[in-house]
Amino acid sequence: CIRDSSEAIRHFEVARRQGTSFPESYGQLAEAYAAEGELEKGREILEEFIEQNPENAAAHRILARHLIVSGQLEAALGLFEKAETLEPGNPDAALGKWTIYSLLEQWEEAEATVEPLTASVDPARKWMGNVYLANGQLYKGLLEEALALQEKAVVAFPRPGPFSAIARAYVAEILLIKGEPKAALGMATKALEESDGTYPQQYNLRIAVLAEAALGRRNNAESFLAEYRRRAESLTPVSWERGALGLAGELALVRGEAAEAIRKLEQAVSMLSPRGVLPPPPPSHAHFWYSLASAYLAGGQEDQAAEWFGHIVECSVERNLRPVEYVRSFYFLGQIHENRGDMGKAREYYRRFYEYWKDGDMDRMRVEEAKKKSM
């Protein structure tokens, strides 16, 4: 099993030299180069493959995804549109266009690209449409609407399985945000029963740990964390090792142990690749950066907190499908700059936070505070 991007490069370069015609081999090779910060190398590989296979829709989508990572959004949009002409109805192009429009903050266009998927008879497309629409609502602070859409994703497939388990994790995370840890725990526990893949298990074990901690049940939280560590030790993907460290840090943060949280989260962040790539699964960067920034803030280290909150508001695909961490980072940067006496920068950060969530139902006290301080 491939553990990291450098190992992936070695394996997929062998396949490339052997002349494989499978586009995903080139896509994963380019993703590995992107994760190592070598975006241009990945682009050259994909353009070479498209030159040899000009009618391959998947190749156009893969190059488009790569260009999003490098910030070439207009070029990526054109490639997705070309892919749609080559293979009409493939949902991957719609999801890619949603990502572009969300990065451009063109929310009506973003919704229009994925909303048709929600009416599909195909459960996978219905699932995707609702998940992406829900994330768009979270960018606008519409928590209840996002929750309703994720609940539709839970039942998109006729039988429970990994997709319902992932959607349940998304629901559980929203319930945690709402301050309903008991309901979140119930949802995550149900998802663990339905899951037969490592990614849903990983996500739902994390929710279970944090929900138990929020309920003040330390032993139960430790039990779920031990299960997470057990799986991390028995499975090879580095994401499990990183996740176990990050989760231990998050648990320490819930308990008010800022120094321990910082120590664990610094280790987890050190295991991230230099760049994120597009899902599946979603990049972990913004999540871990936010947790580390929060730990620094709790420990009174505002300069370090500002650095990591800054990474989040300045990144691109690394915050894909992480709207809550992204928007809240503006608020905390506003606080930090206000404490420094720099009200010019503080007002700008407060304004960005307010503009995102002014019409929503999330963090209303913070929204009203930001409104006043942005003037």
Protein backbone atom coordinates (compact mmCIF):
# COMPACT_ATOMS: atom_id res chain seq x y z
CA CYS A 1 0.00 0.00 0.00
CA ILE A 2 1.32 3.46 -0.94
CA ARG A 3 2.01 5.55 2.16
CA ASP A 4 2.94 8.99 0.84
CA SER A 5 3.37 11.13 -2.26
CA SER A 6 7.08 10.39 -2.76
CA GLU A 7 6.37 6.66 -2.79
CA ALA A 8 3.42 7.24 -5.14
CA ILE A 9 5.71 9.04 -7.57
CA ARG A 10 8.07 6.07 -7.69
CA HIS A 11 5.25 3.60 -8.40
CA PHE A 12 3.38 5.66 -10.98
CA GLU A 13 6.54 6.68 -12.84
CA VAL A 14 7.14 2.96 -13.43
CA ALA A 15 3.62 2.66 -14.89
CA ARG A 16 4.23 5.73 -17.04
CA ARG A 17 7.50 4.33 -18.44
CA GLN A 18 5.66 1.10 -19.25
CA GLY A 19 3.19 3.10 -21.34
CA THR A 20 -0.01 2.57 -19.36
CA SER A 21 -3.11 4.00 -21.06
CA PHE A 22 -5.10 4.34 -17.83
CA PRO A 23 -5.67 8.09 -17.27
CA GLU A 24 -5.96 7.82 -13.48
CA SER A 25 -2.39 6.53 -13.32
CA TYR A 26 -1.24 9.82 -14.82
CA GLY A 27 -3.69 11.71 -12.62
CA GLN A 28 -2.40 10.16 -9.43
CA LEU A 29 1.17 10.73 -10.54
CA ALA A 30 0.39 14.42 -11.16
CA GLU A 31 -1.39 14.62 -7.79
CA ALA A 32 1.66 13.18 -6.08
CA TYR A 33 3.89 15.77 -7.76
CA ALA A 34 1.41 18.49 -6.75
CA ALA A 35 1.47 17.28 -3.14
CA GLU A 36 5.27 17.64 -3.26
CA GLY A 37 4.94 21.16 -4.64
CA GLU A 38 6.01 20.25 -8.20
CA LEU A 39 2.90 21.52 -9.97
CA GLU A 40 4.59 22.24 -13.28
CA LYS A 41 5.95 18.70 -13.53
CA GLY A 42 2.47 17.27 -12.99
CA ARG A 43 0.97 19.61 -15.60
CA GLU A 44 3.53 18.56 -18.21
CA ILE A 45 2.75 14.89 -17.64
CA LEU A 46 -1.00 15.44 -18.04
CA GLU A 47 -0.67 17.65 -21.11
CA GLU A 48 1.52 14.99 -22.71
CA PHE A 49 -1.16 12.35 -22.07
CA ILE A 50 -3.93 14.58 -23.52
CA GLU A 51 -1.84 15.25 -26.62
CA GLN A 52 -1.69 11.49 -27.14
CA ASN A 53 -5.36 10.97 -26.20
CA PRO A 54 -7.26 14.14 -27.26
CA GLU A 55 -10.72 12.53 -27.03
CA ASN A 56 -10.25 11.17 -23.51
CA ALA A 57 -12.73 13.04 -21.28
CA ALA A 58 -11.19 11.73 -18.06
CA ALA A 59 -7.80 13.14 -19.04
CA HIS A 60 -9.34 16.60 -19.52
CA ARG A 61 -11.02 16.41 -16.11
CA ILE A 62 -7.80 15.31 -14.45
CA LEU A 63 -5.79 18.15 -15.96
CA ALA A 64 -8.55 20.58 -14.95
CA ARG A 65 -8.31 19.41 -11.35
CA HIS A 66 -4.55 19.87 -11.47
CA LEU A 67 -4.91 23.41 -12.80
CA ILE A 68 -7.27 24.28 -9.96
CA VAL A 69 -4.53 23.37 -7.50
CA SER A 70 -2.12 25.67 -9.33
CA GLY A 71 -4.68 28.50 -9.36
CA GLN A 72 -5.42 28.48 -13.11
CA LEU A 73 -9.17 28.55 -12.62
CA GLU A 74 -10.33 29.87 -15.99
CA ALA A 75 -8.25 27.30 -17.87
CA ALA A 76 -9.57 24.56 -15.60
CA LEU A 77 -13.16 25.65 -16.26
CA GLY A 78 -12.58 25.39 -20.01
CA LEU A 79 -11.21 21.86 -19.62
CA PHE A 80 -14.23 20.75 -17.58
CA GLU A 81 -16.52 22.14 -20.28
CA LYS A 82 -14.52 20.27 -22.94
CA ALA A 83 -14.84 17.08 -20.87
CA GLU A 84 -18.62 17.56 -20.71
CA THR A 85 -18.80 17.67 -24.51
CA LEU A 86 -16.70 14.50 -24.74
CA GLU A 87 -18.66 12.64 -22.05
CA PRO A 88 -22.02 14.32 -21.37
CA GLY A 89 -23.57 13.63 -17.99
CA ASN A 90 -20.44 12.62 -16.10
CA PRO A 91 -20.86 14.25 -12.65
CA ASP A 92 -17.13 14.77 -12.03
CA ALA A 93 -17.08 17.84 -14.27
CA ALA A 94 -19.96 19.39 -12.31
CA LEU A 95 -18.14 18.83 -9.02
CA GLY A 96 -14.97 20.34 -10.44
CA LYS A 97 -16.86 23.40 -11.67
CA TRP A 98 -18.47 23.76 -8.22
CA THR A 99 -14.98 23.92 -6.71
CA ILE A 100 -13.91 26.63 -9.16
CA TYR A 101 -17.01 28.73 -8.59
CA SER A 102 -16.72 28.36 -4.81
CA LEU A 103 -13.09 29.54 -4.91
CA LEU A 104 -14.29 32.50 -6.99
CA GLU A 105 -17.14 33.04 -4.48
CA GLN A 106 -19.69 32.79 -7.30
CA TRP A 107 -22.29 30.94 -5.27
CA GLU A 108 -25.21 31.02 -7.71
CA GLU A 109 -23.05 29.46 -10.41
CA ALA A 110 -21.71 26.90 -7.94
CA GLU A 111 -25.21 25.80 -6.94
CA ALA A 112 -26.35 25.64 -10.55
CA THR A 113 -23.59 23.15 -11.43
CA VAL A 114 -24.53 20.55 -8.80
CA GLU A 115 -28.24 21.10 -8.13
CA PRO A 116 -29.31 18.94 -11.13
CA LEU A 117 -27.48 16.01 -9.54
CA THR A 118 -29.89 16.01 -6.59
CA ALA A 119 -32.78 15.08 -8.91
CA SER A 120 -30.92 12.16 -10.49
CA VAL A 121 -32.21 8.60 -10.17
CA ASP A 122 -28.60 7.52 -9.73
CA PRO A 123 -27.92 7.39 -5.97
CA ALA A 124 -24.25 8.35 -6.33
CA ARG A 125 -25.13 11.54 -8.20
CA LYS A 126 -27.90 12.36 -5.75
CA TRP A 127 -25.43 11.87 -2.89
CA MET A 128 -22.80 14.09 -4.51
CA GLY A 129 -25.27 16.84 -5.31
CA ASN A 130 -26.58 17.08 -1.77
CA VAL A 131 -23.12 16.92 -0.16
CA TYR A 132 -21.76 19.72 -2.32
CA LEU A 133 -24.88 21.88 -1.98
CA ALA A 134 -24.62 21.46 1.79
CA ASN A 135 -21.07 22.73 1.78
CA GLY A 136 -22.17 25.75 -0.21
CA GLN A 137 -24.76 26.51 2.46
CA LEU A 138 -22.09 26.31 5.16
CA TYR A 139 -20.04 28.93 3.31
CA LYS A 140 -23.10 31.15 3.76
CA GLY A 141 -23.57 30.18 7.40
CA LEU A 142 -26.87 28.39 6.74
CA LEU A 143 -26.44 25.58 9.23
CA GLU A 144 -29.99 24.20 9.21
CA GLU A 145 -30.16 24.13 5.42
CA ALA A 146 -26.81 22.35 5.27
CA LEU A 147 -28.02 19.82 7.82
CA ALA A 148 -31.18 19.08 5.80
CA LEU A 149 -29.14 18.54 2.64
CA GLN A 150 -26.66 16.21 4.36
CA GLU A 151 -29.58 14.22 5.78
CA LYS A 152 -30.79 13.73 2.20
CA ALA A 153 -27.33 12.44 1.32
CA VAL A 154 -27.58 9.88 4.13
CA VAL A 155 -30.59 8.23 2.45
CA ALA A 156 -29.50 8.71 -1.17
CA PHE A 157 -28.49 5.05 -1.46
CA PRO A 158 -31.17 2.39 -0.90
CA ARG A 159 -28.85 0.35 1.33
CA PRO A 160 -26.53 1.59 4.10
CA GLY A 161 -22.84 1.53 3.29
CA PRO A 162 -19.74 3.71 3.10
CA PHE A 163 -21.54 6.60 1.38
CA SER A 164 -24.29 6.78 3.98
CA ALA A 165 -21.58 6.49 6.65
CA ILE A 166 -19.67 9.47 5.23
CA ALA A 167 -22.86 11.51 4.99
CA ARG A 168 -23.69 10.61 8.59
CA ALA A 169 -20.26 11.89 9.58
CA TYR A 170 -21.03 15.20 7.87
CA VAL A 171 -24.37 15.35 9.73
CA ALA A 172 -22.63 14.52 13.01
CA GLU A 173 -20.08 17.26 12.47
CA ILE A 174 -22.86 19.80 11.93
CA LEU A 175 -24.56 18.58 15.10
CA LEU A 176 -21.30 19.17 17.00
CA ILE A 177 -21.17 22.69 15.60
CA LYS A 178 -24.75 23.20 16.81
CA GLY A 179 -23.73 22.12 20.29
CA GLU A 180 -25.59 18.80 20.22
CA PRO A 181 -22.87 16.24 21.07
CA LYS A 182 -25.32 13.52 22.15
CA ALA A 183 -27.07 13.58 18.77
CA ALA A 184 -23.69 13.75 17.01
CA LEU A 185 -22.48 10.69 18.90
CA GLY A 186 -25.60 8.74 17.96
CA MET A 187 -25.13 9.59 14.30
CA ALA A 188 -21.41 8.71 14.34
CA THR A 189 -22.08 5.40 16.14
CA LYS A 190 -24.68 4.46 13.54
CA ALA A 191 -22.22 5.37 10.80
CA LEU A 192 -19.56 3.11 12.30
CA GLU A 193 -22.02 0.22 12.00
CA GLU A 194 -22.66 1.02 8.33
CA SER A 195 -19.08 1.69 7.31
CA ASP A 196 -16.96 -0.87 5.51
CA GLY A 197 -14.17 1.46 4.36
CA THR A 198 -11.30 3.14 6.16
CA TYR A 199 -12.23 6.72 5.35
CA PRO A 200 -15.75 6.69 6.90
CA GLN A 201 -14.42 4.79 9.91
CA GLN A 202 -11.67 7.34 10.41
CA TYR A 203 -14.02 10.29 10.16
CA ASN A 204 -16.69 8.84 12.45
CA LEU A 205 -14.26 7.68 15.12
CA ARG A 206 -13.01 11.26 15.29
CA ILE A 207 -16.56 12.57 15.76
CA ALA A 208 -17.21 9.97 18.46
CA VAL A 209 -14.09 11.01 20.40
CA LEU A 210 -14.97 14.70 20.30
CA ALA A 211 -18.65 14.12 21.09
CA GLU A 212 -17.81 12.02 24.15
CA ALA A 213 -15.33 14.67 25.26
CA ALA A 214 -17.94 17.40 24.85
CA LEU A 215 -20.29 15.32 27.00
CA GLY A 216 -17.60 15.17 29.69
CA ARG A 217 -17.19 11.40 29.41
CA ARG A 218 -13.41 11.16 29.44
CA ASN A 219 -13.18 7.37 29.65
CA ASN A 220 -15.50 6.88 26.68
CA ALA A 221 -13.52 9.42 24.65
CA GLU A 222 -10.29 7.61 25.49
CA SER A 223 -11.88 4.32 24.45
CA PHE A 224 -12.79 5.63 21.01
CA LEU A 225 -9.33 7.21 20.69
CA ALA A 226 -7.74 3.86 21.54
CA GLU A 227 -9.80 2.23 18.80
CA TYR A 228 -8.65 4.90 16.38
CA ARG A 229 -5.01 4.25 17.36
CA ARG A 230 -5.50 0.50 17.03
CA ARG A 231 -6.70 0.94 13.47
CA ALA A 232 -3.87 3.38 12.74
CA GLU A 233 -1.34 0.76 13.83
CA SER A 234 -2.94 -2.02 11.78
CA LEU A 235 -3.36 0.02 8.58
CA THR A 236 -0.57 1.50 6.53
CA PRO A 237 -1.97 4.83 5.20
CA VAL A 238 -0.12 7.73 6.76
CA SER A 239 -3.45 9.57 7.10
CA TRP A 240 -4.39 7.28 9.99
CA GLU A 241 -1.14 7.99 11.84
CA ARG A 242 -1.54 11.72 11.26
CA GLY A 243 -5.19 11.52 12.25
CA ALA A 244 -4.41 9.75 15.53
CA LEU A 245 -1.95 12.48 16.50
CA GLY A 246 -4.33 15.24 15.46
CA LEU A 247 -7.24 13.69 17.30
CA ALA A 248 -5.19 13.35 20.49
CA GLY A 249 -4.39 17.03 20.13
CA GLU A 250 -8.03 17.97 19.59
CA LEU A 251 -9.02 15.96 22.65
CA ALA A 252 -6.39 17.73 24.73
CA LEU A 253 -7.74 21.06 23.47
CA VAL A 254 -11.29 20.16 24.57
CA ARG A 255 -9.88 19.39 28.03
CA GLY A 256 -8.12 22.73 28.23
CA GLU A 257 -4.62 21.23 27.92
CA ALA A 258 -3.27 23.73 25.38
CA ALA A 259 0.41 22.77 25.61
CA GLU A 260 -0.33 19.08 24.98
CA ALA A 261 -2.71 20.00 22.17
CA ILE A 262 -0.03 22.11 20.49
CA ARG A 263 2.58 19.34 20.79
CA LYS A 264 0.35 16.71 19.19
CA LEU A 265 -1.07 18.97 16.52
CA GLU A 266 2.36 20.24 15.50
CA GLN A 267 3.34 16.62 14.88
CA ALA A 268 0.20 16.01 12.83
CA VAL A 269 0.73 19.14 10.74
CA SER A 270 4.35 18.16 10.08
CA MET A 271 3.03 15.02 8.37
CA LEU A 272 0.91 16.92 5.84
CA SER A 273 2.06 17.16 2.23
CA PRO A 274 3.28 20.61 1.08
CA ARG A 275 0.11 21.06 -0.99
CA GLY A 276 -3.40 19.68 -0.86
CA VAL A 277 -5.15 18.09 -3.83
CA LEU A 278 -8.81 17.79 -4.71
CA PRO A 279 -10.99 15.08 -3.17
CA PRO A 280 -11.74 12.29 -2.74
CA PRO A 281 -11.02 12.41 0.12
CA PRO A 282 -11.04 16.12 1.00
CA PRO A 283 -7.64 17.60 1.89
CA SER A 284 -6.89 17.57 5.63
CA HIS A 285 -4.78 20.73 5.61
CA ALA A 286 -7.34 23.34 6.65
CA HIS A 287 -8.74 21.07 9.34
CA PHE A 288 -5.37 20.46 11.00
CA TRP A 289 -4.22 24.05 10.52
CA TYR A 290 -7.40 25.29 12.21
CA SER A 291 -7.02 22.90 15.14
CA LEU A 292 -3.39 23.95 15.61
CA ALA A 293 -4.26 27.65 15.36
CA SER A 294 -7.02 27.14 17.94
CA ALA A 295 -4.59 25.41 20.28
CA TYR A 296 -2.10 28.28 19.97
CA LEU A 297 -4.90 30.75 20.63
CA ALA A 298 -6.00 28.82 23.72
CA GLY A 299 -2.38 28.84 24.91
CA GLY A 300 -2.11 32.60 24.54
CA GLN A 301 0.30 32.40 21.60
CA GLU A 302 -1.48 34.79 19.27
CA ASP A 303 1.36 35.28 16.77
CA GLN A 304 1.53 31.56 16.06
CA ALA A 305 -2.26 31.33 15.92
CA ALA A 306 -2.39 34.16 13.39
CA GLU A 307 0.16 32.37 11.21
CA TRP A 308 -1.97 29.24 10.91
CA PHE A 309 -5.31 31.02 10.60
CA GLY A 310 -3.57 33.01 7.86
CA HIS A 311 -2.65 29.83 6.00
CA ILE A 312 -6.33 28.89 5.92
CA VAL A 313 -7.68 32.18 4.55
CA GLU A 314 -4.91 32.37 1.95
CA CYS A 315 -5.06 28.77 0.65
CA SER A 316 -7.17 27.40 -2.19
CA VAL A 317 -8.06 23.72 -2.57
CA GLU A 318 -6.65 22.96 0.88
CA ARG A 319 -9.84 24.40 2.35
CA ASN A 320 -12.10 22.63 -0.16
CA LEU A 321 -15.14 21.22 1.70
CA ARG A 322 -13.92 22.91 4.92
CA PRO A 323 -16.08 26.06 4.90
CA VAL A 324 -16.52 26.40 8.67
CA GLU A 325 -12.79 26.44 9.43
CA TYR A 326 -12.23 28.85 6.54
CA VAL A 327 -14.87 31.42 7.51
CA ARG A 328 -14.21 31.31 11.26
CA SER A 329 -10.52 31.96 10.62
CA PHE A 330 -11.43 35.47 9.44
CA TYR A 331 -13.13 36.17 12.78
CA PHE A 332 -10.17 35.00 14.84
CA LEU A 333 -7.72 36.95 12.69
CA GLY A 334 -9.89 40.00 13.32
CA GLN A 335 -9.66 39.39 17.07
CA ILE A 336 -5.91 38.93 17.00
CA HIS A 337 -5.26 42.09 14.98
CA GLU A 338 -7.64 44.02 17.20
CA ASN A 339 -5.65 42.88 20.24
CA ARG A 340 -2.49 44.09 18.48
CA GLY A 341 -4.08 47.50 18.02
CA ASP A 342 -4.16 47.17 14.23
CA MET A 343 -7.81 48.06 13.64
CA GLY A 344 -7.27 48.54 9.91
CA LYS A 345 -6.49 44.86 9.37
CA ALA A 346 -8.96 43.81 12.07
CA ARG A 347 -11.82 45.60 10.32
CA GLU A 348 -11.01 43.90 7.02
CA TYR A 349 -10.99 40.44 8.59
CA TYR A 350 -14.21 41.16 10.50
CA ARG A 351 -15.78 42.40 7.27
CA ARG A 352 -14.88 39.20 5.41
CA PHE A 353 -16.34 37.09 8.23
CA TYR A 354 -19.50 39.16 8.33
CA GLU A 355 -20.01 39.07 4.57
CA TYR A 356 -19.91 35.28 4.53
CA TRP A 357 -22.31 34.61 7.42
CA LYS A 358 -24.42 37.76 7.68
CA ASP A 359 -27.56 36.02 6.38
CA GLY A 360 -27.00 32.70 8.14
CA ASP A 361 -27.85 31.10 11.46
CA MET A 362 -24.30 30.32 12.59
CA ASP A 363 -22.28 32.17 15.24
CA ARG A 364 -24.82 34.99 15.45
CA MET A 365 -23.12 36.76 18.37
CA ARG A 366 -19.82 36.77 16.51
CA VAL A 367 -21.55 37.95 13.33
CA GLU A 368 -23.12 40.90 15.14
CA GLU A 369 -19.81 41.73 16.80
CA ALA A 370 -18.02 41.57 13.46
CA LYS A 371 -20.66 43.81 11.87
CA LYS A 372 -20.04 46.54 14.46
CA LYS A 373 -16.26 46.24 14.36
CA SER A 374 -16.02 46.19 10.56
CA MET A 375 -17.45 49.71 10.30
